Amino acid sequence: MLPATASFTASVALTGIGVLALRAAHTPGERMFALIPLLFAAQQATEGLVWMSYPWDAPTLRAWATQVYSVFSTTFWPVFIHGRCVH
């Protein structure tokens, strides 16, 4: 359960940081960069669901959350960072 707690704690912290970053962003480029903590918060929350699916004995949740997490880590981040933030 400790890994899930760490994932959810990171998600909450990153959400706060992301909100502050978006408030401070003024240009479209800054907004895209400021989205990173919020998107990573979503990934961390999804990871927490993967961890919690084991003690909850929830194979459907585990399968869904694993797929979402995998899309974040293997597809979304490389495309987002390369396409939006690296110039």
Protein backbone atom coordinates (compact mmCIF):
# COMPACT_ATOMS: atom_id res chain seq x y z
CA MET A 1 0.00 0.00 0.00
CA LEU A 2 2.99 2.30 0.46
CA PRO A 3 3.62 2.65 -3.29
CA ALA A 4 -0.02 3.70 -3.80
CA THR A 5 0.27 6.27 -1.02
CA ALA A 6 3.41 7.69 -2.61
CA SER A 7 1.71 7.86 -6.02
CA PHE A 8 -1.39 9.61 -4.68
CA THR A 9 0.68 12.00 -2.55
CA ALA A 10 2.81 12.91 -5.56
CA SER A 11 -0.35 13.39 -7.61
CA VAL A 12 -1.81 15.85 -5.10
CA ALA A 13 1.45 17.79 -4.80
CA LEU A 14 1.90 17.93 -8.57
CA THR A 15 -1.67 19.13 -9.02
CA GLY A 16 -0.98 22.09 -6.74
CA ILE A 17 2.25 22.88 -8.53
CA GLY A 18 0.51 22.58 -11.90
CA VAL A 19 -2.27 24.97 -10.89
CA LEU A 20 0.28 27.52 -9.72
CA ALA A 21 2.30 27.08 -12.90
CA LEU A 22 -0.77 27.59 -15.10
CA ARG A 23 -1.71 30.74 -13.20
CA ALA A 24 1.78 32.12 -13.81
CA ALA A 25 1.86 31.19 -17.50
CA HIS A 26 1.08 33.97 -19.97
CA THR A 27 1.98 32.72 -23.43
CA PRO A 28 0.82 29.56 -25.21
CA GLY A 29 4.32 28.10 -24.91
CA GLU A 30 4.41 28.78 -21.18
CA ARG A 31 0.97 27.18 -20.78
CA MET A 32 2.12 24.01 -22.55
CA PHE A 33 5.15 23.85 -20.30
CA ALA A 34 2.98 24.55 -17.23
CA LEU A 35 0.74 21.59 -18.11
CA ILE A 36 3.54 19.12 -17.41
CA PRO A 37 2.96 18.89 -13.62
CA LEU A 38 -0.81 18.43 -14.11
CA LEU A 39 -0.33 15.72 -16.70
CA PHE A 40 2.24 13.99 -14.53
CA ALA A 41 -0.24 14.23 -11.63
CA ALA A 42 -2.75 12.31 -13.75
CA GLN A 43 -0.12 9.69 -14.53
CA GLN A 44 0.74 9.34 -10.83
CA ALA A 45 -2.93 8.98 -9.89
CA THR A 46 -3.26 6.26 -12.51
CA GLU A 47 -0.21 4.51 -11.09
CA GLY A 48 -1.82 4.68 -7.65
CA LEU A 49 -4.89 2.94 -9.06
CA VAL A 50 -2.68 0.20 -10.47
CA TRP A 51 -1.17 -0.36 -7.02
CA MET A 52 -4.56 -0.27 -5.28
CA SER A 53 -6.09 -2.73 -7.74
CA TYR A 54 -4.07 -5.53 -6.12
CA PRO A 55 -5.43 -5.33 -2.54
CA TRP A 56 -8.87 -4.45 -3.94
CA ASP A 57 -8.71 -7.57 -6.18
CA ALA A 58 -9.92 -5.49 -9.13
CA PRO A 59 -8.49 -7.01 -12.32
CA THR A 60 -10.59 -4.79 -14.61
CA LEU A 61 -9.37 -1.63 -12.88
CA ARG A 62 -5.82 -3.00 -12.99
CA ALA A 63 -6.03 -3.66 -16.73
CA TRP A 64 -7.54 -0.26 -17.48
CA ALA A 65 -5.13 1.69 -15.27
CA THR A 66 -2.14 -0.25 -16.59
CA GLN A 67 -3.09 0.62 -20.17
CA VAL A 68 -3.56 4.32 -19.36
CA TYR A 69 -0.27 4.40 -17.47
CA SER A 70 1.49 2.65 -20.36
CA VAL A 71 0.15 5.16 -22.89
CA PHE A 72 1.42 8.01 -20.71
CA SER A 73 4.87 6.54 -20.26
CA THR A 74 5.55 5.12 -23.72
CA THR A 75 3.60 7.32 -26.10
CA PHE A 76 2.24 10.51 -24.60
CA TRP A 77 5.37 11.88 -22.92
CA PRO A 78 7.75 11.39 -25.86
CA VAL A 79 5.25 12.96 -28.28
CA PHE A 80 4.24 15.81 -25.96
CA ILE A 81 7.74 16.78 -24.92
CA HIS A 82 9.21 16.53 -28.39
CA GLY A 83 6.26 18.10 -30.19
CA ARG A 84 5.33 20.87 -27.78
CA CYS A 85 8.24 21.80 -25.57
CA VAL A 86 11.41 21.09 -27.53
CA HIS A 87 12.16 23.64 -30.23
